[in-house]
């Protein structure tokens, strides 16, 4: 393993200017990617980055790699993983949220290909809120010890904020609607090989 410099963070305007020369990898779930992505971005969900390492390394030998996600947290994690493997990358400051907020277009697949869904952040908020309410309800109606369910979720959210990781997002990312189709991932890997 070779050492690599820390990932560079590009502001949205820098990324917009250089977009034509960058290989853009979107590490969000396929559902998030389908809801809108940077022009030309290839979707490799965060938990598939290690599997795609040979193709990403090949693409980085031919030009710069920009890794994006919704807010920048997952792309930063992907950049760190790639840097550990000697692959230099950059991440987009503020992610696709900042890109769209600055008025830049997000591309969406054709209607027949769309698997748009909720963002991972929204899925986590919904799931955490549902489990907390369920824990409170069960604690009041069944047994007070079941209030620990809500306390566990609260503790997980605090841990998530402190470590900038999210175990719940990792679990939700494994659900079928958040997984890439094998053919989709194969097509992305082939596109990276041809760059």
N, C-alpha and C. Protein backbone atom coordinates (compact mmCIF):
# COMPACT_ATOMS: atom_id res chain seq x y z
N UNK A 1 0.84 -1.19 0.00
CA UNK A 1 0.00 0.00 0.00
C UNK A 1 0.88 1.24 0.00
N UNK A 2 0.60 2.14 -0.91
CA UNK A 2 1.37 3.37 -0.99
C UNK A 2 0.63 4.48 -0.28
N UNK A 3 1.40 5.45 0.21
CA UNK A 3 0.74 6.57 0.87
C UNK A 3 0.25 7.54 -0.18
N UNK A 4 -0.81 8.24 0.15
CA UNK A 4 -1.41 9.18 -0.79
C UNK A 4 -1.79 10.42 -0.02
N UNK A 5 -1.76 11.57 -0.69
CA UNK A 5 -2.14 12.79 0.01
C UNK A 5 -3.60 12.74 0.43
N UNK A 6 -3.92 13.53 1.45
CA UNK A 6 -5.30 13.61 1.92
C UNK A 6 -6.19 14.10 0.79
N UNK A 7 -7.47 13.68 0.80
CA UNK A 7 -8.37 14.11 -0.27
C UNK A 7 -8.52 15.63 -0.29
N UNK A 8 -8.64 16.16 -1.47
CA UNK A 8 -8.84 17.58 -1.69
C UNK A 8 -10.34 17.83 -1.67
N UNK A 9 -10.75 18.98 -1.16
CA UNK A 9 -12.15 19.36 -1.20
C UNK A 9 -12.31 20.47 -2.22
N UNK A 10 -13.19 20.22 -3.19
CA UNK A 10 -13.46 21.22 -4.22
C UNK A 10 -14.74 21.97 -3.90
N UNK A 11 -14.73 23.26 -4.04
CA UNK A 11 -15.96 24.04 -3.94
C UNK A 11 -16.79 23.75 -5.18
N UNK A 12 -18.09 24.00 -5.11
CA UNK A 12 -18.96 23.67 -6.23
C UNK A 12 -18.55 24.40 -7.51
N UNK A 13 -18.11 25.63 -7.40
CA UNK A 13 -17.72 26.38 -8.60
C UNK A 13 -16.47 25.77 -9.22
N UNK A 14 -15.51 25.35 -8.39
CA UNK A 14 -14.31 24.68 -8.92
C UNK A 14 -14.70 23.40 -9.64
N UNK A 15 -15.60 22.63 -9.03
CA UNK A 15 -16.04 21.37 -9.64
C UNK A 15 -16.78 21.64 -10.94
N UNK A 16 -17.62 22.66 -10.97
CA UNK A 16 -18.39 22.98 -12.18
C UNK A 16 -17.44 23.30 -13.34
N UNK A 17 -16.42 24.09 -13.07
CA UNK A 17 -15.46 24.49 -14.10
C UNK A 17 -14.69 23.28 -14.62
N UNK A 18 -14.34 22.36 -13.74
CA UNK A 18 -13.51 21.21 -14.11
C UNK A 18 -14.31 19.95 -14.44
N UNK A 19 -15.63 20.02 -14.39
CA UNK A 19 -16.48 18.83 -14.50
C UNK A 19 -16.16 18.00 -15.75
N UNK A 20 -15.89 18.64 -16.87
CA UNK A 20 -15.63 17.93 -18.12
C UNK A 20 -14.36 17.07 -18.06
N UNK A 21 -13.44 17.40 -17.16
CA UNK A 21 -12.17 16.66 -17.08
C UNK A 21 -12.12 15.69 -15.90
N UNK A 22 -13.17 15.65 -15.09
CA UNK A 22 -13.19 14.80 -13.90
C UNK A 22 -13.99 13.53 -14.15
N UNK A 23 -13.57 12.45 -13.49
CA UNK A 23 -14.41 11.26 -13.40
C UNK A 23 -15.16 11.42 -12.08
N UNK A 24 -16.48 11.55 -12.17
CA UNK A 24 -17.30 11.80 -10.99
C UNK A 24 -17.93 10.49 -10.53
N UNK A 25 -17.69 10.15 -9.28
CA UNK A 25 -18.26 8.93 -8.69
C UNK A 25 -19.20 9.36 -7.57
N UNK A 26 -20.47 8.99 -7.70
CA UNK A 26 -21.51 9.30 -6.72
C UNK A 26 -21.67 8.08 -5.82
N UNK A 27 -21.38 8.22 -4.53
CA UNK A 27 -21.39 7.08 -3.61
C UNK A 27 -22.71 6.93 -2.85
N UNK A 28 -23.74 7.64 -3.29
CA UNK A 28 -25.05 7.48 -2.65
C UNK A 28 -25.71 6.19 -3.12
N UNK A 29 -26.84 5.87 -2.51
CA UNK A 29 -27.58 4.68 -2.93
C UNK A 29 -28.17 4.90 -4.32
N UNK A 30 -28.50 3.84 -5.04
CA UNK A 30 -29.11 4.00 -6.35
C UNK A 30 -30.39 4.85 -6.31
N UNK A 31 -31.19 4.71 -5.28
CA UNK A 31 -32.42 5.50 -5.18
C UNK A 31 -32.09 6.98 -5.05
N UNK A 32 -31.09 7.33 -4.25
CA UNK A 32 -30.68 8.73 -4.11
C UNK A 32 -30.11 9.24 -5.43
N UNK A 33 -29.27 8.44 -6.05
CA UNK A 33 -28.66 8.80 -7.33
C UNK A 33 -29.74 9.08 -8.38
N UNK A 34 -30.77 8.24 -8.41
CA UNK A 34 -31.86 8.40 -9.38
C UNK A 34 -32.65 9.69 -9.15
N UNK A 35 -32.62 10.20 -7.93
CA UNK A 35 -33.38 11.42 -7.65
C UNK A 35 -32.66 12.67 -8.18
N UNK A 36 -31.42 12.55 -8.62
CA UNK A 36 -30.68 13.65 -9.20
C UNK A 36 -29.21 13.56 -8.86
N UNK A 37 -28.35 13.65 -9.89
CA UNK A 37 -26.90 13.53 -9.69
C UNK A 37 -26.17 14.51 -10.59
N UNK A 38 -24.91 14.74 -10.30
CA UNK A 38 -24.09 15.61 -11.13
C UNK A 38 -24.03 15.06 -12.55
N UNK A 39 -23.99 15.92 -13.55
CA UNK A 39 -23.89 15.45 -14.93
C UNK A 39 -22.69 14.53 -15.11
N UNK A 40 -22.93 13.37 -15.70
CA UNK A 40 -21.86 12.42 -15.99
C UNK A 40 -21.42 11.56 -14.82
N UNK A 41 -22.03 11.74 -13.64
CA UNK A 41 -21.62 10.97 -12.47
C UNK A 41 -21.95 9.49 -12.64
N UNK A 42 -21.05 8.66 -12.14
CA UNK A 42 -21.24 7.21 -12.13
C UNK A 42 -21.61 6.80 -10.72
N UNK A 43 -22.58 5.92 -10.58
CA UNK A 43 -23.06 5.52 -9.26
C UNK A 43 -22.36 4.26 -8.77
N UNK A 44 -21.54 4.43 -7.73
CA UNK A 44 -20.92 3.30 -7.02
C UNK A 44 -21.21 3.54 -5.55
N UNK A 45 -22.25 2.90 -5.00
CA UNK A 45 -22.57 3.12 -3.58
C UNK A 45 -21.36 2.87 -2.68
N UNK A 46 -21.33 3.60 -1.58
CA UNK A 46 -20.17 3.57 -0.68
C UNK A 46 -19.73 2.15 -0.33
N UNK A 47 -20.68 1.26 -0.06
CA UNK A 47 -20.27 -0.09 0.33
C UNK A 47 -19.78 -0.94 -0.85
N UNK A 48 -19.78 -0.40 -2.06
CA UNK A 48 -19.23 -1.09 -3.23
C UNK A 48 -17.91 -0.50 -3.70
N UNK A 49 -17.45 0.55 -3.05
CA UNK A 49 -16.23 1.23 -3.48
C UNK A 49 -15.03 0.28 -3.42
N UNK A 50 -14.91 -0.47 -2.36
CA UNK A 50 -13.77 -1.40 -2.24
C UNK A 50 -13.79 -2.42 -3.38
N UNK A 51 -14.96 -2.92 -3.73
CA UNK A 51 -15.10 -3.89 -4.83
C UNK A 51 -14.68 -3.25 -6.17
N UNK A 52 -14.98 -1.97 -6.33
CA UNK A 52 -14.69 -1.26 -7.58
C UNK A 52 -13.28 -0.67 -7.60
N UNK A 53 -12.48 -0.93 -6.60
CA UNK A 53 -11.16 -0.33 -6.47
C UNK A 53 -10.28 -0.49 -7.72
N UNK A 54 -10.19 -1.66 -8.34
CA UNK A 54 -9.33 -1.75 -9.53
C UNK A 54 -9.77 -0.80 -10.66
N UNK A 55 -11.07 -0.69 -10.87
CA UNK A 55 -11.57 0.20 -11.92
C UNK A 55 -11.38 1.66 -11.55
N UNK A 56 -11.57 1.99 -10.27
CA UNK A 56 -11.37 3.38 -9.82
C UNK A 56 -9.89 3.74 -9.95
N UNK A 57 -9.01 2.82 -9.57
CA UNK A 57 -7.56 3.06 -9.70
C UNK A 57 -7.21 3.29 -11.17
N UNK A 58 -7.76 2.47 -12.05
CA UNK A 58 -7.50 2.62 -13.49
C UNK A 58 -7.96 4.00 -13.97
N UNK A 59 -9.14 4.43 -13.56
CA UNK A 59 -9.65 5.74 -13.97
C UNK A 59 -8.78 6.86 -13.41
N UNK A 60 -8.27 6.69 -12.19
CA UNK A 60 -7.44 7.74 -11.58
C UNK A 60 -6.09 7.87 -12.27
N UNK A 61 -5.63 6.79 -12.90
CA UNK A 61 -4.38 6.85 -13.66
C UNK A 61 -4.54 7.72 -14.91
N UNK A 62 -5.78 7.90 -15.35
CA UNK A 62 -6.05 8.64 -16.58
C UNK A 62 -6.58 10.05 -16.32
N UNK A 63 -6.91 10.37 -15.07
CA UNK A 63 -7.42 11.71 -14.75
C UNK A 63 -7.90 11.79 -13.32
N UNK A 64 -8.32 12.97 -12.92
CA UNK A 64 -8.73 13.21 -11.54
C UNK A 64 -10.11 12.63 -11.24
N UNK A 65 -10.27 12.18 -10.00
CA UNK A 65 -11.52 11.58 -9.53
C UNK A 65 -12.18 12.54 -8.55
N UNK A 66 -13.46 12.80 -8.75
CA UNK A 66 -14.26 13.58 -7.81
C UNK A 66 -15.32 12.65 -7.24
N UNK A 67 -15.35 12.54 -5.91
CA UNK A 67 -16.31 11.67 -5.23
C UNK A 67 -17.37 12.56 -4.59
N UNK A 68 -18.65 12.23 -4.82
CA UNK A 68 -19.74 13.05 -4.31
C UNK A 68 -20.78 12.19 -3.59
N UNK A 69 -21.51 12.84 -2.70
CA UNK A 69 -22.67 12.24 -2.04
C UNK A 69 -23.66 13.37 -1.78
N UNK A 70 -24.59 13.18 -0.88
CA UNK A 70 -25.61 14.20 -0.63
C UNK A 70 -25.04 15.43 0.07
N UNK A 71 -24.21 15.21 1.10
CA UNK A 71 -23.73 16.34 1.90
C UNK A 71 -22.21 16.44 2.00
N UNK A 72 -21.52 15.38 1.66
CA UNK A 72 -20.07 15.37 1.73
C UNK A 72 -19.51 14.37 2.74
N UNK A 73 -20.34 13.85 3.65
CA UNK A 73 -19.84 12.94 4.68
C UNK A 73 -19.46 11.58 4.10
N UNK A 74 -20.34 10.97 3.31
CA UNK A 74 -20.03 9.66 2.73
C UNK A 74 -18.91 9.77 1.71
N UNK A 75 -18.90 10.85 0.93
CA UNK A 75 -17.82 10.99 -0.07
C UNK A 75 -16.48 11.17 0.63
N UNK A 76 -16.47 11.86 1.77
CA UNK A 76 -15.23 12.01 2.53
C UNK A 76 -14.74 10.65 3.01
N UNK A 77 -15.66 9.80 3.48
CA UNK A 77 -15.29 8.45 3.91
C UNK A 77 -14.75 7.64 2.73
N UNK A 78 -15.38 7.76 1.57
CA UNK A 78 -14.91 7.05 0.38
C UNK A 78 -13.52 7.54 -0.01
N UNK A 79 -13.30 8.85 0.05
CA UNK A 79 -11.99 9.42 -0.29
C UNK A 79 -10.91 8.90 0.65
N UNK A 80 -11.23 8.80 1.94
CA UNK A 80 -10.26 8.27 2.91
C UNK A 80 -9.93 6.82 2.58
N UNK A 81 -10.95 6.03 2.26
CA UNK A 81 -10.73 4.62 1.91
C UNK A 81 -9.86 4.52 0.66
N UNK A 82 -10.15 5.33 -0.34
CA UNK A 82 -9.36 5.30 -1.57
C UNK A 82 -7.94 5.81 -1.33
N UNK A 83 -7.77 6.83 -0.50
CA UNK A 83 -6.44 7.35 -0.19
C UNK A 83 -5.60 6.27 0.50
N UNK A 84 -6.22 5.47 1.37
CA UNK A 84 -5.50 4.37 2.03
C UNK A 84 -4.99 3.36 1.01
N UNK A 85 -5.65 3.28 -0.13
CA UNK A 85 -5.25 2.36 -1.18
C UNK A 85 -4.38 3.03 -2.24
N UNK A 86 -3.98 4.29 -1.98
CA UNK A 86 -3.10 5.00 -2.89
C UNK A 86 -3.79 5.65 -4.08
N UNK A 87 -5.09 5.83 -3.99
CA UNK A 87 -5.85 6.45 -5.08
C UNK A 87 -6.18 7.89 -4.69
N UNK A 88 -5.59 8.87 -5.37
CA UNK A 88 -5.88 10.27 -5.04
C UNK A 88 -7.28 10.66 -5.52
N UNK A 89 -7.99 11.40 -4.69
CA UNK A 89 -9.35 11.81 -5.01
C UNK A 89 -9.62 13.20 -4.47
N UNK A 90 -10.75 13.74 -4.87
CA UNK A 90 -11.27 14.99 -4.32
C UNK A 90 -12.72 14.74 -3.96
N UNK A 91 -13.23 15.52 -3.04
CA UNK A 91 -14.64 15.44 -2.66
C UNK A 91 -15.28 16.80 -2.90
N UNK A 92 -16.57 16.79 -3.14
CA UNK A 92 -17.31 18.02 -3.41
C UNK A 92 -17.83 18.60 -2.10
N UNK A 93 -17.41 19.80 -1.78
CA UNK A 93 -17.85 20.48 -0.55
C UNK A 93 -19.36 20.64 -0.55
N UNK A 94 -20.02 20.07 0.44
CA UNK A 94 -21.47 20.19 0.56
C UNK A 94 -22.25 19.22 -0.30
N UNK A 95 -21.59 18.44 -1.13
CA UNK A 95 -22.24 17.40 -1.91
C UNK A 95 -23.24 17.92 -2.93
N UNK A 96 -24.12 17.02 -3.35
CA UNK A 96 -25.12 17.38 -4.36
C UNK A 96 -26.10 18.42 -3.82
N UNK A 97 -26.27 18.46 -2.51
CA UNK A 97 -27.14 19.47 -1.90
C UNK A 97 -26.61 20.87 -2.18
N UNK A 98 -25.32 21.08 -1.98
CA UNK A 98 -24.71 22.38 -2.24
C UNK A 98 -24.70 22.68 -3.74
N UNK A 99 -24.45 21.66 -4.55
CA UNK A 99 -24.45 21.81 -6.01
C UNK A 99 -25.80 22.36 -6.48
N UNK A 100 -26.88 21.73 -6.02
CA UNK A 100 -28.23 22.16 -6.42
C UNK A 100 -28.57 23.52 -5.82
N UNK A 101 -28.15 23.76 -4.58
CA UNK A 101 -28.45 25.04 -3.91
C UNK A 101 -27.82 26.21 -4.64
N UNK A 102 -26.69 25.96 -5.31
CA UNK A 102 -26.03 27.03 -6.07
C UNK A 102 -26.57 27.16 -7.49
N UNK A 103 -27.65 26.43 -7.77
CA UNK A 103 -28.33 26.57 -9.05
C UNK A 103 -27.82 25.71 -10.18
N UNK A 104 -26.94 24.75 -9.88
CA UNK A 104 -26.42 23.87 -10.92
C UNK A 104 -27.39 22.70 -11.14
N UNK A 105 -27.48 22.26 -12.37
CA UNK A 105 -28.42 21.19 -12.71
C UNK A 105 -27.99 19.85 -12.14
N UNK A 106 -29.00 19.09 -11.73
CA UNK A 106 -28.81 17.69 -11.39
C UNK A 106 -29.50 16.88 -12.48
N UNK A 107 -28.85 15.86 -12.96
CA UNK A 107 -29.44 15.01 -13.99
C UNK A 107 -30.20 13.87 -13.34
N UNK A 108 -31.27 13.46 -13.98
CA UNK A 108 -32.04 12.31 -13.52
C UNK A 108 -32.17 11.33 -14.67
N UNK A 109 -32.23 10.04 -14.37
CA UNK A 109 -32.38 9.05 -15.44
C UNK A 109 -33.73 9.21 -16.13
N UNK A 110 -33.84 8.59 -17.30
CA UNK A 110 -35.12 8.58 -18.01
C UNK A 110 -36.19 7.95 -17.11
N UNK A 111 -37.44 8.34 -17.33
CA UNK A 111 -38.54 7.89 -16.46
C UNK A 111 -38.61 6.38 -16.32
N UNK A 112 -38.32 5.65 -17.37
CA UNK A 112 -38.42 4.18 -17.29
C UNK A 112 -37.31 3.58 -16.44
N UNK A 113 -36.22 4.31 -16.26
CA UNK A 113 -35.10 3.79 -15.48
C UNK A 113 -35.09 4.30 -14.04
N UNK A 114 -35.97 5.21 -13.71
CA UNK A 114 -35.91 5.87 -12.41
C UNK A 114 -36.33 4.95 -11.27
N UNK A 115 -35.48 4.92 -10.26
CA UNK A 115 -35.81 4.25 -9.01
C UNK A 115 -35.65 5.27 -7.90
N UNK A 116 -36.14 6.47 -8.15
CA UNK A 116 -35.98 7.56 -7.19
C UNK A 116 -36.67 7.21 -5.88
N UNK A 117 -36.07 7.62 -4.82
CA UNK A 117 -36.62 7.36 -3.50
C UNK A 117 -36.15 8.42 -2.54
N UNK A 118 -36.33 8.14 -1.31
CA UNK A 118 -35.91 9.08 -0.28
C UNK A 118 -34.40 9.08 -0.14
N UNK A 119 -33.86 10.24 0.24
CA UNK A 119 -32.43 10.32 0.51
C UNK A 119 -32.13 9.47 1.74
N UNK A 120 -30.87 9.09 1.88
CA UNK A 120 -30.50 8.26 3.03
C UNK A 120 -30.75 9.00 4.33
N UNK A 121 -30.48 10.30 4.34
CA UNK A 121 -30.73 11.09 5.55
C UNK A 121 -32.20 11.02 5.94
N UNK A 122 -33.08 11.15 4.95
CA UNK A 122 -34.52 11.09 5.23
C UNK A 122 -34.93 9.70 5.71
N UNK A 123 -34.36 8.65 5.11
CA UNK A 123 -34.66 7.29 5.54
C UNK A 123 -34.23 7.08 7.00
N UNK A 124 -33.05 7.60 7.36
CA UNK A 124 -32.55 7.45 8.73
C UNK A 124 -33.47 8.20 9.70
N UNK A 125 -33.84 9.44 9.35
CA UNK A 125 -34.73 10.21 10.24
C UNK A 125 -36.05 9.50 10.43
N UNK A 126 -36.63 8.98 9.34
CA UNK A 126 -37.91 8.28 9.43
C UNK A 126 -37.80 7.03 10.29
N UNK A 127 -36.76 6.23 10.04
CA UNK A 127 -36.58 4.99 10.79
C UNK A 127 -36.31 5.26 12.26
N UNK A 128 -35.42 6.20 12.56
CA UNK A 128 -35.12 6.53 13.95
C UNK A 128 -36.36 7.05 14.66
N UNK A 129 -37.09 7.95 14.03
CA UNK A 129 -38.31 8.49 14.63
C UNK A 129 -39.35 7.41 14.87
N UNK A 130 -39.52 6.51 13.92
CA UNK A 130 -40.49 5.43 14.07
C UNK A 130 -40.11 4.50 15.21
N UNK A 131 -38.84 4.14 15.30
CA UNK A 131 -38.40 3.23 16.37
C UNK A 131 -38.51 3.92 17.73
N UNK A 132 -38.18 5.20 17.81
CA UNK A 132 -38.31 5.94 19.08
C UNK A 132 -39.77 5.97 19.51
N UNK A 133 -40.66 6.32 18.60
CA UNK A 133 -42.10 6.35 18.95
C UNK A 133 -42.60 4.97 19.34
N UNK A 134 -42.17 3.94 18.62
CA UNK A 134 -42.57 2.57 18.95
C UNK A 134 -42.06 2.18 20.34
N UNK A 135 -40.81 2.54 20.64
CA UNK A 135 -40.26 2.25 21.97
C UNK A 135 -41.02 2.95 23.07
N UNK A 136 -41.37 4.22 22.83
CA UNK A 136 -42.15 4.95 23.84
C UNK A 136 -43.53 4.33 24.03
N UNK A 137 -44.18 3.99 22.93
CA UNK A 137 -45.51 3.39 23.00
C UNK A 137 -45.47 2.04 23.72
N UNK A 138 -44.52 1.20 23.35
CA UNK A 138 -44.39 -0.10 24.01
C UNK A 138 -44.02 0.05 25.48
N UNK A 139 -43.18 1.05 25.78
CA UNK A 139 -42.79 1.30 27.17
C UNK A 139 -43.97 1.73 28.03
N UNK A 140 -44.88 2.47 27.45
CA UNK A 140 -46.06 2.93 28.19
C UNK A 140 -47.15 1.87 28.27
N UNK A 141 -47.32 1.08 27.21
CA UNK A 141 -48.43 0.14 27.15
C UNK A 141 -48.07 -1.28 27.57
N UNK A 142 -46.83 -1.69 27.36
CA UNK A 142 -46.46 -3.09 27.62
C UNK A 142 -45.60 -3.22 28.87
N UNK A 143 -44.43 -2.60 28.85
CA UNK A 143 -43.52 -2.71 29.99
C UNK A 143 -42.55 -1.54 29.94
N UNK A 144 -42.29 -0.89 31.09
CA UNK A 144 -41.40 0.27 31.11
C UNK A 144 -39.98 -0.02 30.60
N UNK A 145 -39.54 -1.26 30.71
CA UNK A 145 -38.19 -1.59 30.25
C UNK A 145 -38.04 -1.39 28.74
N UNK A 146 -39.15 -1.43 28.02
CA UNK A 146 -39.09 -1.25 26.57
C UNK A 146 -38.78 0.20 26.17
N UNK A 147 -38.76 1.11 27.16
CA UNK A 147 -38.31 2.47 26.89
C UNK A 147 -36.84 2.50 26.50
N UNK A 148 -36.12 1.42 26.85
CA UNK A 148 -34.71 1.32 26.50
C UNK A 148 -34.50 1.30 24.98
N UNK A 149 -35.52 0.88 24.22
CA UNK A 149 -35.42 0.92 22.76
C UNK A 149 -35.18 2.36 22.32
N UNK A 150 -35.99 3.27 22.85
CA UNK A 150 -35.86 4.69 22.49
C UNK A 150 -34.52 5.25 22.96
N UNK A 151 -34.11 4.85 24.16
CA UNK A 151 -32.82 5.30 24.67
C UNK A 151 -31.67 4.80 23.79
N UNK A 152 -31.78 3.57 23.30
CA UNK A 152 -30.74 3.01 22.43
C UNK A 152 -30.62 3.79 21.12
N UNK A 153 -31.76 4.15 20.55
CA UNK A 153 -31.73 4.94 19.31
C UNK A 153 -31.12 6.32 19.57
N UNK A 154 -31.52 6.94 20.69
CA UNK A 154 -30.96 8.25 21.04
C UNK A 154 -29.44 8.16 21.19
N UNK A 155 -28.97 7.13 21.87
CA UNK A 155 -27.53 6.93 22.04
C UNK A 155 -26.84 6.71 20.70
N UNK A 156 -27.47 5.95 19.81
CA UNK A 156 -26.92 5.72 18.48
C UNK A 156 -26.81 7.01 17.68
N UNK A 157 -27.81 7.88 17.81
CA UNK A 157 -27.77 9.16 17.10
C UNK A 157 -26.65 10.06 17.61
N UNK A 158 -26.44 10.06 18.91
CA UNK A 158 -25.35 10.85 19.49
C UNK A 158 -24.01 10.30 19.01
N UNK A 159 -23.86 8.98 19.06
CA UNK A 159 -22.62 8.35 18.59
C UNK A 159 -22.39 8.67 17.12
N UNK A 160 -23.46 8.62 16.33
CA UNK A 160 -23.38 8.92 14.90
C UNK A 160 -22.87 10.34 14.67
N UNK A 161 -23.39 11.28 15.43
CA UNK A 161 -22.96 12.68 15.29
C UNK A 161 -21.51 12.86 15.70
N UNK A 162 -21.10 12.22 16.78
CA UNK A 162 -19.73 12.37 17.28
C UNK A 162 -18.68 11.75 16.36
N UNK A 163 -19.04 10.64 15.71
CA UNK A 163 -18.08 9.92 14.88
C UNK A 163 -18.24 10.19 13.39
N UNK A 164 -19.27 10.94 13.03
CA UNK A 164 -19.60 11.21 11.63
C UNK A 164 -19.76 9.93 10.82
N UNK A 165 -20.34 8.92 11.46
CA UNK A 165 -20.68 7.66 10.81
C UNK A 165 -22.15 7.40 11.10
N UNK A 166 -22.72 6.44 10.43
CA UNK A 166 -24.12 6.13 10.70
C UNK A 166 -24.38 4.66 10.45
N UNK A 167 -24.45 3.90 11.53
CA UNK A 167 -24.73 2.48 11.43
C UNK A 167 -26.11 2.21 10.85
N UNK A 168 -27.08 3.05 11.19
CA UNK A 168 -28.42 2.85 10.66
C UNK A 168 -28.44 3.04 9.15
N UNK A 169 -27.69 4.02 8.65
CA UNK A 169 -27.61 4.23 7.20
C UNK A 169 -26.95 3.02 6.53
N UNK A 170 -25.95 2.45 7.18
CA UNK A 170 -25.30 1.26 6.63
C UNK A 170 -26.28 0.11 6.52
N UNK A 171 -27.11 -0.07 7.53
CA UNK A 171 -28.11 -1.14 7.50
C UNK A 171 -29.18 -0.84 6.45
N UNK A 172 -29.69 0.40 6.43
CA UNK A 172 -30.71 0.76 5.45
C UNK A 172 -30.18 0.66 4.02
N UNK A 173 -28.90 0.92 3.84
CA UNK A 173 -28.30 0.83 2.52
C UNK A 173 -28.30 -0.57 1.95
N UNK A 174 -28.50 -1.57 2.80
CA UNK A 174 -28.52 -2.96 2.35
C UNK A 174 -29.92 -3.43 1.94
N UNK A 175 -30.94 -2.58 2.16
CA UNK A 175 -32.30 -2.95 1.76
C UNK A 175 -32.38 -2.99 0.23
N UNK A 176 -33.25 -3.81 -0.31
CA UNK A 176 -33.29 -4.02 -1.77
C UNK A 176 -33.43 -2.74 -2.60
N UNK A 177 -34.25 -1.79 -2.17
CA UNK A 177 -34.45 -0.59 -2.97
C UNK A 177 -33.27 0.37 -2.90
N UNK A 178 -32.33 0.12 -2.02
CA UNK A 178 -31.12 0.94 -1.92
C UNK A 178 -29.91 0.26 -2.56
N UNK A 179 -30.09 -0.92 -3.10
CA UNK A 179 -28.99 -1.68 -3.68
C UNK A 179 -28.94 -1.48 -5.19
N UNK A 180 -27.74 -1.42 -5.76
CA UNK A 180 -27.66 -1.32 -7.21
C UNK A 180 -28.01 -2.68 -7.84
N UNK A 181 -28.62 -2.63 -9.00
CA UNK A 181 -28.82 -3.87 -9.75
C UNK A 181 -27.44 -4.32 -10.23
N UNK A 182 -27.22 -5.62 -10.28
CA UNK A 182 -25.91 -6.13 -10.70
C UNK A 182 -25.52 -5.59 -12.07
N UNK A 183 -26.50 -5.54 -12.98
CA UNK A 183 -26.21 -5.06 -14.33
C UNK A 183 -25.81 -3.58 -14.30
N UNK A 184 -26.45 -2.79 -13.44
CA UNK A 184 -26.11 -1.38 -13.33
C UNK A 184 -24.68 -1.20 -12.86
N UNK A 185 -24.30 -1.93 -11.82
CA UNK A 185 -22.95 -1.83 -11.27
C UNK A 185 -21.92 -2.31 -12.30
N UNK A 186 -22.24 -3.40 -13.01
CA UNK A 186 -21.32 -3.90 -14.04
C UNK A 186 -21.11 -2.86 -15.12
N UNK A 187 -22.18 -2.16 -15.52
CA UNK A 187 -22.08 -1.12 -16.54
C UNK A 187 -21.21 0.04 -16.07
N UNK A 188 -21.34 0.42 -14.80
CA UNK A 188 -20.52 1.49 -14.24
C UNK A 188 -19.05 1.09 -14.22
N UNK A 189 -18.79 -0.13 -13.79
CA UNK A 189 -17.40 -0.60 -13.74
C UNK A 189 -16.80 -0.66 -15.14
N UNK A 190 -17.60 -1.08 -16.11
CA UNK A 190 -17.11 -1.10 -17.51
C UNK A 190 -16.82 0.32 -18.00
N UNK A 191 -17.66 1.27 -17.62
CA UNK A 191 -17.43 2.67 -18.01
C UNK A 191 -16.14 3.19 -17.39
N UNK A 192 -15.86 2.82 -16.15
CA UNK A 192 -14.61 3.26 -15.51
C UNK A 192 -13.40 2.64 -16.21
N UNK A 193 -13.51 1.39 -16.63
CA UNK A 193 -12.40 0.72 -17.33
C UNK A 193 -12.09 1.41 -18.65
N UNK A 194 -13.13 1.94 -19.29
CA UNK A 194 -12.93 2.53 -20.61
C UNK A 194 -12.47 3.97 -20.56
N UNK A 195 -12.39 4.57 -19.38
CA UNK A 195 -11.95 5.97 -19.27
C UNK A 195 -10.45 6.07 -19.35
